[in-house]
Amino acid sequence: MRDADYDLIKLDVTRAGVAIVTLHRPDVHNAFNAELIAELTDVFAMISDQPGIRMMILRGEGKSFSAGADLEWMKLASTHSRDDNETDAMRLAEMLQRLYEMPQMTLALVQGAAMGGGAGLVAACDVAIAMASAQFRFSEVRLGLTPATISPFVIQAIGPRWARALFVTGEEFDAAYAEKIGLIQYVAQTADEMTDLEEHIARLVFAAAPGAVADSKKLVRDFAGKPIDRDVSQRTAKRIAARRTSDEGKEGVSAFLEKRPPSWKT
C-alpha cells in the first residue's frame, strides 16, 4: 500500500489487515470541506484496491464523529454559481459512493455529533456502533437546504417513511432512536463496550471469506427493491453457482467437511 500524506484525515493499517480512517478536524467537530472530501475519496479508493485489507473502520477524532458541512465552506458555496455548486456536490456524492461500494466490510464508530453529511457517512457504512450519548440530525431544512446528496444512502438505510419524517422535521435524535430506525446496529454505553463490540465485529469479519463479503455486499446493491421474479432468480442462481466453483467456495466447503479453519480465518 502506497504511503499516503493527508492533512485532514489519519490512516492506520494494522498487520492483521484493518484500515482505520480517522477524520482529523476536531476543532470543528470533523466538519466537511472540499479538502476533507477529496482526502476521503482518495483513501476509500486506495483501500478498495488492497486485497490484503479485510475491514475499514471510520471514526472521528475528538468530541464528535462529524458535524456535517463546515460553515465557512457553506458560506463560500453560497457565493458560487449553480454549476459550481453542482460540481462541488458531485464530489461529495462520489466520495459517499466510493465508501458505499468498498469491497471490504466497513464499520462506523460514532460519538458526539453525527449531523447531516456525518450521518450520511454512517448510512453509507455496512455497520455502525454509536455511543449512547451520540446525537444525530438531518438538519438541512433548518438552513433552507435539503439532504439531497446523502439521501440515497440514508433512504436505503432507514427506509422512505423514516427518511421523510426526519428530513422534513430536522429533528435531533439519540443513538437508541438511530438503532430503532436502522441507521446504526449497536449502541454502546461505555467506551469499553464500544471496543468490545468493535472487536466482536472484527472477529466476524475475519471468519468470513473476503471475496464472499464483497460479493454479498454487491448482492444487496444489485437486488434491493427489485421484484422477485424469474429474472432475479436466474441472476441470483448464477451468483451462487459462481461462488460454489470459486477458490473460496471450494476451500470453505472443504474446510467445513474436514473440520478445520478455512485459509482466510485468522
C-alpha atoms as a PDB file:
ATOM      1  CA  MET A   1       0.000   0.000   0.000  1.00  0.00           C
ATOM      2  CA  ARG A   2       1.453   3.358  -1.046  1.00  0.00           C
ATOM      3  CA  ASP A   3       2.423   5.949   1.510  1.00  0.00           C
ATOM      4  CA  ALA A   4      -0.355   8.464   1.991  1.00  0.00           C
ATOM      5  CA  ASP A   5       0.150  12.041   3.092  1.00  0.00           C
ATOM      6  CA  TYR A   6      -3.094  13.520   4.377  1.00  0.00           C
ATOM      7  CA  ASP A   7      -3.763  16.705   6.302  1.00  0.00           C
ATOM      8  CA  LEU A   8      -7.369  16.259   7.439  1.00  0.00           C
ATOM      9  CA  ILE A   9      -7.562  12.511   7.988  1.00  0.00           C
ATOM     10  CA  LYS A  10      -5.359   9.866   9.555  1.00  0.00           C
ATOM     11  CA  LEU A  11      -4.828   6.404   8.078  1.00  0.00           C
ATOM     12  CA  ASP A  12      -3.526   3.451  10.071  1.00  0.00           C
ATOM     13  CA  VAL A  13      -3.385  -0.120   8.767  1.00  0.00           C
ATOM     14  CA  THR A  14      -2.837  -2.996  11.169  1.00  0.00           C
ATOM     15  CA  ARG A  15      -0.804  -6.075  10.331  1.00  0.00           C
ATOM     16  CA  ALA A  16      -3.989  -8.114  10.524  1.00  0.00           C
ATOM     17  CA  GLY A  17      -5.500  -6.095   7.681  1.00  0.00           C
ATOM     18  CA  VAL A  18      -7.725  -3.474   9.307  1.00  0.00           C
ATOM     19  CA  ALA A  19      -7.614   0.047   7.879  1.00  0.00           C
ATOM     20  CA  ILE A  20      -8.572   2.746  10.377  1.00  0.00           C
ATOM     21  CA  VAL A  21      -9.556   6.080   8.835  1.00  0.00           C
ATOM     22  CA  THR A  22      -9.922   8.932  11.337  1.00  0.00           C
ATOM     23  CA  LEU A  23     -11.469  12.279  10.478  1.00  0.00           C
ATOM     24  CA  HIS A  24      -8.949  14.744  11.897  1.00  0.00           C
ATOM     25  CA  ARG A  25     -10.581  18.169  12.237  1.00  0.00           C
ATOM     26  CA  PRO A  26     -11.513  18.008  15.923  1.00  0.00           C
ATOM     27  CA  ASP A  27     -11.527  21.794  16.325  1.00  0.00           C
ATOM     28  CA  VAL A  28     -14.578  21.985  14.005  1.00  0.00           C
ATOM     29  CA  HIS A  29     -16.123  18.638  15.024  1.00  0.00           C
ATOM     30  CA  ASN A  30     -14.743  16.980  11.870  1.00  0.00           C
ATOM     31  CA  ALA A  31     -16.961  19.054   9.592  1.00  0.00           C
ATOM     32  CA  PHE A  32     -16.726  18.528   5.831  1.00  0.00           C
ATOM     33  CA  ASN A  33     -14.967  20.854   3.464  1.00  0.00           C
ATOM     34  CA  ALA A  34     -13.660  20.314  -0.062  1.00  0.00           C
ATOM     35  CA  GLU A  35     -10.248  19.143   1.151  1.00  0.00           C
ATOM     36  CA  LEU A  36     -11.661  16.589   3.593  1.00  0.00           C
ATOM     37  CA  ILE A  37     -13.983  15.199   0.920  1.00  0.00           C
ATOM     38  CA  ALA A  38     -11.067  14.882  -1.524  1.00  0.00           C
ATOM     39  CA  GLU A  39      -8.913  13.074   1.036  1.00  0.00           C
ATOM     40  CA  LEU A  40     -11.707  10.665   1.952  1.00  0.00           C
ATOM     41  CA  THR A  41     -12.361   9.939  -1.717  1.00  0.00           C
ATOM     42  CA  ASP A  42      -8.693   9.136  -2.222  1.00  0.00           C
ATOM     43  CA  VAL A  43      -8.319   6.941   0.851  1.00  0.00           C
ATOM     44  CA  PHE A  44     -11.501   4.944   0.141  1.00  0.00           C
ATOM     45  CA  ALA A  45     -10.291   4.265  -3.399  1.00  0.00           C
ATOM     46  CA  MET A  46      -6.838   3.281  -2.180  1.00  0.00           C
ATOM     47  CA  ILE A  47      -8.177   0.892   0.471  1.00  0.00           C
ATOM     48  CA  SER A  48     -10.615  -0.660  -2.013  1.00  0.00           C
ATOM     49  CA  ASP A  49      -7.677  -1.676  -4.211  1.00  0.00           C
ATOM     50  CA  GLN A  50      -5.894  -3.515  -1.382  1.00  0.00           C
ATOM     51  CA  PRO A  51      -6.986  -7.184  -1.191  1.00  0.00           C
ATOM     52  CA  GLY A  52      -4.955  -7.611   1.992  1.00  0.00           C
ATOM     53  CA  ILE A  53      -7.243  -5.217   3.835  1.00  0.00           C
ATOM     54  CA  ARG A  54     -10.277  -7.055   5.201  1.00  0.00           C
ATOM     55  CA  MET A  55     -12.063  -4.288   7.098  1.00  0.00           C
ATOM     56  CA  MET A  56     -12.221  -0.490   7.211  1.00  0.00           C
ATOM     57  CA  ILE A  57     -13.106   1.415  10.383  1.00  0.00           C
ATOM     58  CA  LEU A  58     -14.248   5.025  10.067  1.00  0.00           C
ATOM     59  CA  ARG A  59     -14.133   7.246  13.124  1.00  0.00           C
ATOM     60  CA  GLY A  60     -13.824  10.891  14.175  1.00  0.00           C
ATOM     61  CA  GLU A  61     -11.171  12.493  16.365  1.00  0.00           C
ATOM     62  CA  GLY A  62     -12.267  14.426  19.422  1.00  0.00           C
ATOM     63  CA  LYS A  63     -15.761  15.079  20.715  1.00  0.00           C
ATOM     64  CA  SER A  64     -17.698  14.315  17.530  1.00  0.00           C
ATOM     65  CA  PHE A  65     -17.862  11.880  14.646  1.00  0.00           C
ATOM     66  CA  SER A  66     -18.769  14.622  12.157  1.00  0.00           C
ATOM     67  CA  ALA A  67     -20.959  17.687  12.476  1.00  0.00           C
ATOM     68  CA  GLY A  68     -21.684  17.754   8.730  1.00  0.00           C
ATOM     69  CA  ALA A  69     -20.752  20.625   6.458  1.00  0.00           C
ATOM     70  CA  ASP A  70     -18.197  23.210   7.525  1.00  0.00           C
ATOM     71  CA  LEU A  71     -19.892  26.593   7.985  1.00  0.00           C
ATOM     72  CA  GLU A  72     -17.135  28.502   6.201  1.00  0.00           C
ATOM     73  CA  TRP A  73     -17.330  26.068   3.291  1.00  0.00           C
ATOM     74  CA  MET A  74     -21.114  26.527   3.112  1.00  0.00           C
ATOM     75  CA  LYS A  75     -20.747  30.307   3.264  1.00  0.00           C
ATOM     76  CA  LEU A  76     -18.293  30.210   0.372  1.00  0.00           C
ATOM     77  CA  ALA A  77     -20.567  27.889  -1.625  1.00  0.00           C
ATOM     78  CA  SER A  78     -23.425  30.370  -1.339  1.00  0.00           C
ATOM     79  CA  THR A  79     -21.370  32.850  -3.393  1.00  0.00           C
ATOM     80  CA  HIS A  80     -20.683  30.354  -6.187  1.00  0.00           C
ATOM     81  CA  SER A  81     -22.728  29.698  -9.305  1.00  0.00           C
ATOM     82  CA  ARG A  82     -25.251  26.881  -9.544  1.00  0.00           C
ATOM     83  CA  ASP A  83     -22.907  24.944 -11.861  1.00  0.00           C
ATOM     84  CA  ASP A  84     -20.020  25.287  -9.412  1.00  0.00           C
ATOM     85  CA  ASN A  85     -22.249  24.104  -6.587  1.00  0.00           C
ATOM     86  CA  GLU A  86     -23.342  21.107  -8.644  1.00  0.00           C
ATOM     87  CA  THR A  87     -19.709  20.168  -9.270  1.00  0.00           C
ATOM     88  CA  ASP A  88     -18.974  20.573  -5.564  1.00  0.00           C
ATOM     89  CA  ALA A  89     -21.940  18.401  -4.586  1.00  0.00           C
ATOM     90  CA  MET A  90     -20.918  15.716  -7.062  1.00  0.00           C
ATOM     91  CA  ARG A  91     -17.574  15.388  -5.289  1.00  0.00           C
ATOM     92  CA  LEU A  92     -19.408  14.623  -2.048  1.00  0.00           C
ATOM     93  CA  ALA A  93     -21.705  12.173  -3.835  1.00  0.00           C
ATOM     94  CA  GLU A  94     -18.731  10.396  -5.396  1.00  0.00           C
ATOM     95  CA  MET A  95     -16.983  10.130  -2.021  1.00  0.00           C
ATOM     96  CA  LEU A  96     -20.056   8.538  -0.449  1.00  0.00           C
ATOM     97  CA  GLN A  97     -20.421   6.204  -3.430  1.00  0.00           C
ATOM     98  CA  ARG A  98     -16.825   5.045  -3.052  1.00  0.00           C
ATOM     99  CA  LEU A  99     -17.460   4.317   0.625  1.00  0.00           C
ATOM    100  CA  TYR A 100     -20.709   2.506  -0.132  1.00  0.00           C
ATOM    101  CA  GLU A 101     -19.122   0.335  -2.843  1.00  0.00           C
ATOM    102  CA  MET A 102     -15.951  -0.638  -0.981  1.00  0.00           C
ATOM    103  CA  PRO A 103     -15.440  -4.421  -1.221  1.00  0.00           C
ATOM    104  CA  GLN A 104     -14.283  -4.599   2.384  1.00  0.00           C
ATOM    105  CA  MET A 105     -16.615  -4.598   5.348  1.00  0.00           C
ATOM    106  CA  THR A 106     -16.973  -1.019   6.636  1.00  0.00           C
ATOM    107  CA  LEU A 107     -17.666  -0.042  10.242  1.00  0.00           C
ATOM    108  CA  ALA A 108     -18.511   3.427  11.583  1.00  0.00           C
ATOM    109  CA  LEU A 109     -17.734   4.219  15.230  1.00  0.00           C
ATOM    110  CA  VAL A 110     -19.821   7.195  16.268  1.00  0.00           C
ATOM    111  CA  GLN A 111     -19.510   9.535  19.224  1.00  0.00           C
ATOM    112  CA  GLY A 112     -20.842  13.032  19.811  1.00  0.00           C
ATOM    113  CA  ALA A 113     -22.449  14.678  16.799  1.00  0.00           C
ATOM    114  CA  ALA A 114     -23.251  12.909  13.531  1.00  0.00           C
ATOM    115  CA  MET A 115     -25.171  15.575  11.681  1.00  0.00           C
ATOM    116  CA  GLY A 116     -26.125  15.974   8.027  1.00  0.00           C
ATOM    117  CA  GLY A 117     -23.271  14.620   5.936  1.00  0.00           C
ATOM    118  CA  GLY A 118     -21.819  12.976   9.038  1.00  0.00           C
ATOM    119  CA  ALA A 119     -24.984  10.895   9.341  1.00  0.00           C
ATOM    120  CA  GLY A 120     -24.660  10.233   5.616  1.00  0.00           C
ATOM    121  CA  LEU A 121     -21.245   8.652   6.220  1.00  0.00           C
ATOM    122  CA  VAL A 122     -22.834   6.415   8.859  1.00  0.00           C
ATOM    123  CA  ALA A 123     -25.586   5.376   6.430  1.00  0.00           C
ATOM    124  CA  ALA A 124     -23.063   4.510   3.711  1.00  0.00           C
ATOM    125  CA  CYS A 125     -21.158   2.108   6.002  1.00  0.00           C
ATOM    126  CA  ASP A 126     -22.160  -1.545   6.412  1.00  0.00           C
ATOM    127  CA  VAL A 127     -22.313  -1.488  10.206  1.00  0.00           C
ATOM    128  CA  ALA A 128     -22.355   1.330  12.761  1.00  0.00           C
ATOM    129  CA  ILE A 129     -21.807   1.385  16.512  1.00  0.00           C
ATOM    130  CA  ALA A 130     -22.699   4.565  18.389  1.00  0.00           C
ATOM    131  CA  MET A 131     -22.149   5.705  21.923  1.00  0.00           C
ATOM    132  CA  ALA A 132     -25.456   6.086  23.752  1.00  0.00           C
ATOM    133  CA  SER A 133     -24.747   9.814  24.091  1.00  0.00           C
ATOM    134  CA  ALA A 134     -24.321  10.330  20.313  1.00  0.00           C
ATOM    135  CA  GLN A 135     -26.685  12.759  18.600  1.00  0.00           C
ATOM    136  CA  PHE A 136     -27.930  12.615  15.017  1.00  0.00           C
ATOM    137  CA  ARG A 137     -29.808  15.095  12.849  1.00  0.00           C
ATOM    138  CA  PHE A 138     -30.620  15.775   9.214  1.00  0.00           C
ATOM    139  CA  SER A 139     -30.662  19.495   9.824  1.00  0.00           C
ATOM    140  CA  GLU A 140     -30.559  20.799   6.249  1.00  0.00           C
ATOM    141  CA  VAL A 141     -34.151  22.109   6.177  1.00  0.00           C
ATOM    142  CA  ARG A 142     -33.329  24.401   9.098  1.00  0.00           C
ATOM    143  CA  LEU A 143     -30.872  26.141   6.748  1.00  0.00           C
ATOM    144  CA  GLY A 144     -33.221  26.253   3.785  1.00  0.00           C
ATOM    145  CA  LEU A 145     -31.449  23.283   2.183  1.00  0.00           C
ATOM    146  CA  THR A 146     -32.205  19.587   1.638  1.00  0.00           C
ATOM    147  CA  PRO A 147     -30.132  16.445   2.395  1.00  0.00           C
ATOM    148  CA  ALA A 148     -30.092  15.652  -1.314  1.00  0.00           C
ATOM    149  CA  THR A 149     -26.607  14.197  -1.759  1.00  0.00           C
ATOM    150  CA  ILE A 150     -26.774  11.859   1.222  1.00  0.00           C
ATOM    151  CA  SER A 151     -30.430  10.940   0.670  1.00  0.00           C
ATOM    152  CA  PRO A 152     -29.934   7.738  -1.421  1.00  0.00           C
ATOM    153  CA  PHE A 153     -27.756   6.206   1.295  1.00  0.00           C
ATOM    154  CA  VAL A 154     -29.997   7.311   4.162  1.00  0.00           C
ATOM    155  CA  ILE A 155     -33.199   6.169   2.438  1.00  0.00           C
ATOM    156  CA  GLN A 156     -31.679   2.764   1.805  1.00  0.00           C
ATOM    157  CA  ALA A 157     -30.529   2.524   5.427  1.00  0.00           C
ATOM    158  CA  ILE A 158     -33.737   3.591   7.178  1.00  0.00           C
ATOM    159  CA  GLY A 159     -36.450   3.426   4.518  1.00  0.00           C
ATOM    160  CA  PRO A 160     -38.539   6.189   2.922  1.00  0.00           C
ATOM    161  CA  ARG A 161     -41.010   6.615   5.796  1.00  0.00           C
ATOM    162  CA  TRP A 162     -38.391   7.409   8.459  1.00  0.00           C
ATOM    163  CA  ALA A 163     -36.308   9.398   5.985  1.00  0.00           C
ATOM    164  CA  ARG A 164     -39.229  11.612   5.041  1.00  0.00           C
ATOM    165  CA  ALA A 165     -40.102  12.282   8.677  1.00  0.00           C
ATOM    166  CA  LEU A 166     -36.550  13.140   9.704  1.00  0.00           C
ATOM    167  CA  PHE A 167     -35.711  15.110   6.565  1.00  0.00           C
ATOM    168  CA  VAL A 168     -38.729  17.408   6.846  1.00  0.00           C
ATOM    169  CA  THR A 169     -38.591  17.963  10.619  1.00  0.00           C
ATOM    170  CA  GLY A 170     -34.832  18.196  11.105  1.00  0.00           C
ATOM    171  CA  GLU A 171     -35.439  16.557  14.481  1.00  0.00           C
ATOM    172  CA  GLU A 172     -32.423  15.642  16.602  1.00  0.00           C
ATOM    173  CA  PHE A 173     -32.374  12.042  17.833  1.00  0.00           C
ATOM    174  CA  ASP A 174     -30.166   9.868  20.000  1.00  0.00           C
ATOM    175  CA  ALA A 175     -28.420   6.547  19.477  1.00  0.00           C
ATOM    176  CA  ALA A 176     -31.340   4.474  20.776  1.00  0.00           C
ATOM    177  CA  TYR A 177     -33.600   6.136  18.199  1.00  0.00           C
ATOM    178  CA  ALA A 178     -30.960   5.651  15.479  1.00  0.00           C
ATOM    179  CA  GLU A 179     -30.816   1.953  16.339  1.00  0.00           C
ATOM    180  CA  LYS A 180     -34.612   1.654  16.226  1.00  0.00           C
ATOM    181  CA  ILE A 181     -34.822   3.076  12.697  1.00  0.00           C
ATOM    182  CA  GLY A 182     -31.826   1.128  11.369  1.00  0.00           C
ATOM    183  CA  LEU A 183     -29.288   3.917  10.934  1.00  0.00           C
ATOM    184  CA  ILE A 184     -26.975   2.090  13.349  1.00  0.00           C
ATOM    185  CA  GLN A 185     -26.950  -1.514  14.549  1.00  0.00           C
ATOM    186  CA  TYR A 186     -25.367  -1.270  18.007  1.00  0.00           C
ATOM    187  CA  VAL A 187     -25.422   1.138  20.950  1.00  0.00           C
ATOM    188  CA  ALA A 188     -22.514   1.232  23.421  1.00  0.00           C
ATOM    189  CA  GLN A 189     -22.981   2.587  26.919  1.00  0.00           C
ATOM    190  CA  THR A 190     -19.252   2.983  27.597  1.00  0.00           C
ATOM    191  CA  ALA A 191     -16.006   3.288  25.646  1.00  0.00           C
ATOM    192  CA  ASP A 192     -15.051  -0.223  26.799  1.00  0.00           C
ATOM    193  CA  GLU A 193     -18.330  -1.590  25.481  1.00  0.00           C
ATOM    194  CA  MET A 194     -17.704   0.084  22.130  1.00  0.00           C
ATOM    195  CA  THR A 195     -14.270  -1.550  21.979  1.00  0.00           C
ATOM    196  CA  ASP A 196     -15.808  -4.934  22.792  1.00  0.00           C
ATOM    197  CA  LEU A 197     -18.403  -4.511  20.033  1.00  0.00           C
ATOM    198  CA  GLU A 198     -15.726  -3.374  17.577  1.00  0.00           C
ATOM    199  CA  GLU A 199     -13.681  -6.493  18.350  1.00  0.00           C
ATOM    200  CA  HIS A 200     -16.788  -8.678  18.028  1.00  0.00           C
ATOM    201  CA  ILE A 201     -17.463  -7.315  14.535  1.00  0.00           C
ATOM    202  CA  ALA A 202     -13.806  -7.772  13.572  1.00  0.00           C
ATOM    203  CA  ARG A 203     -13.883 -11.428  14.663  1.00  0.00           C
ATOM    204  CA  LEU A 204     -16.924 -11.999  12.483  1.00  0.00           C
ATOM    205  CA  VAL A 205     -15.279 -10.304   9.508  1.00  0.00           C
ATOM    206  CA  PHE A 206     -12.065 -12.295   9.778  1.00  0.00           C
ATOM    207  CA  ALA A 207     -14.053 -15.549   9.929  1.00  0.00           C
ATOM    208  CA  ALA A 208     -15.627 -14.709   6.570  1.00  0.00           C
ATOM    209  CA  ALA A 209     -14.094 -15.114   3.118  1.00  0.00           C
ATOM    210  CA  PRO A 210     -13.134 -11.660   1.792  1.00  0.00           C
ATOM    211  CA  GLY A 211     -14.365 -12.333  -1.729  1.00  0.00           C
ATOM    212  CA  ALA A 212     -17.668 -13.634  -0.391  1.00  0.00           C
ATOM    213  CA  VAL A 213     -18.008 -10.482   1.725  1.00  0.00           C
ATOM    214  CA  ALA A 214     -17.512  -8.287  -1.350  1.00  0.00           C
ATOM    215  CA  ASP A 215     -19.977 -10.352  -3.395  1.00  0.00           C
ATOM    216  CA  SER A 216     -22.539 -10.331  -0.580  1.00  0.00           C
ATOM    217  CA  LYS A 217     -22.396  -6.541  -0.427  1.00  0.00           C
ATOM    218  CA  LYS A 218     -22.908  -6.437  -4.197  1.00  0.00           C
ATOM    219  CA  LEU A 219     -25.953  -8.706  -3.859  1.00  0.00           C
ATOM    220  CA  VAL A 220     -27.640  -6.099  -1.695  1.00  0.00           C
ATOM    221  CA  ARG A 221     -26.705  -3.259  -4.055  1.00  0.00           C
ATOM    222  CA  ASP A 222     -27.939  -5.150  -7.108  1.00  0.00           C
ATOM    223  CA  PHE A 223     -31.155  -6.680  -5.803  1.00  0.00           C
ATOM    224  CA  ALA A 224     -32.534  -4.338  -3.136  1.00  0.00           C
ATOM    225  CA  GLY A 225     -36.019  -3.240  -4.140  1.00  0.00           C
ATOM    226  CA  LYS A 226     -36.163  -5.481  -7.217  1.00  0.00           C
ATOM    227  CA  PRO A 227     -39.288  -7.608  -7.790  1.00  0.00           C
ATOM    228  CA  ILE A 228     -38.691 -11.277  -7.021  1.00  0.00           C
ATOM    229  CA  ASP A 229     -39.297 -12.680 -10.490  1.00  0.00           C
ATOM    230  CA  ARG A 230     -37.709 -15.237 -12.784  1.00  0.00           C
ATOM    231  CA  ASP A 231     -35.059 -12.794 -13.969  1.00  0.00           C
ATOM    232  CA  VAL A 232     -33.900 -12.149 -10.402  1.00  0.00           C
ATOM    233  CA  SER A 233     -33.986 -15.882  -9.647  1.00  0.00           C
ATOM    234  CA  GLN A 234     -31.801 -16.627 -12.663  1.00  0.00           C
ATOM    235  CA  ARG A 235     -29.348 -13.869 -11.807  1.00  0.00           C
ATOM    236  CA  THR A 236     -29.020 -14.988  -8.186  1.00  0.00           C
ATOM    237  CA  ALA A 237     -28.619 -18.632  -9.296  1.00  0.00           C
ATOM    238  CA  LYS A 238     -25.687 -17.558 -11.463  1.00  0.00           C
ATOM    239  CA  ARG A 239     -24.133 -15.746  -8.500  1.00  0.00           C
ATOM    240  CA  ILE A 240     -24.229 -18.752  -6.167  1.00  0.00           C
ATOM    241  CA  ALA A 241     -23.025 -21.077  -8.931  1.00  0.00           C
ATOM    242  CA  ALA A 242     -20.020 -18.815  -9.444  1.00  0.00           C
ATOM    243  CA  ARG A 243     -19.330 -18.812  -5.705  1.00  0.00           C
ATOM    244  CA  ARG A 244     -19.615 -22.599  -5.408  1.00  0.00           C
ATOM    245  CA  THR A 245     -16.995 -23.078  -8.107  1.00  0.00           C
ATOM    246  CA  SER A 246     -14.686 -20.301  -6.873  1.00  0.00           C
ATOM    247  CA  ASP A 247     -11.476 -20.999  -4.985  1.00  0.00           C
ATOM    248  CA  GLU A 248     -13.018 -19.542  -1.832  1.00  0.00           C
ATOM    249  CA  GLY A 249     -16.167 -21.619  -2.212  1.00  0.00           C
ATOM    250  CA  LYS A 250     -14.215 -24.832  -2.655  1.00  0.00           C
ATOM    251  CA  GLU A 251     -11.899 -24.022   0.245  1.00  0.00           C
ATOM    252  CA  GLY A 252     -14.787 -23.129   2.540  1.00  0.00           C
ATOM    253  CA  VAL A 253     -16.697 -26.343   1.886  1.00  0.00           C
ATOM    254  CA  SER A 254     -13.545 -28.456   2.173  1.00  0.00           C
ATOM    255  CA  ALA A 255     -12.608 -26.813   5.459  1.00  0.00           C
ATOM    256  CA  PHE A 256     -16.099 -27.416   6.850  1.00  0.00           C
ATOM    257  CA  LEU A 257     -16.091 -31.092   5.850  1.00  0.00           C
ATOM    258  CA  GLU A 258     -12.547 -31.584   7.138  1.00  0.00           C
ATOM    259  CA  LYS A 259     -13.395 -29.771  10.388  1.00  0.00           C
ATOM    260  CA  ARG A 260     -10.558 -27.277  10.062  1.00  0.00           C
ATOM    261  CA  PRO A 261     -10.419 -23.473   9.818  1.00  0.00           C
ATOM    262  CA  PRO A 262     -10.527 -22.105   6.247  1.00  0.00           C
ATOM    263  CA  SER A 263      -7.426 -20.412   4.898  1.00  0.00           C
ATOM    264  CA  TRP A 264      -8.795 -16.886   5.389  1.00  0.00           C
ATOM    265  CA  LYS A 265      -9.688 -17.288   9.064  1.00  0.00           C
ATOM    266  CA  THR A 266      -7.121 -15.647  11.352  1.00  0.00           C
END
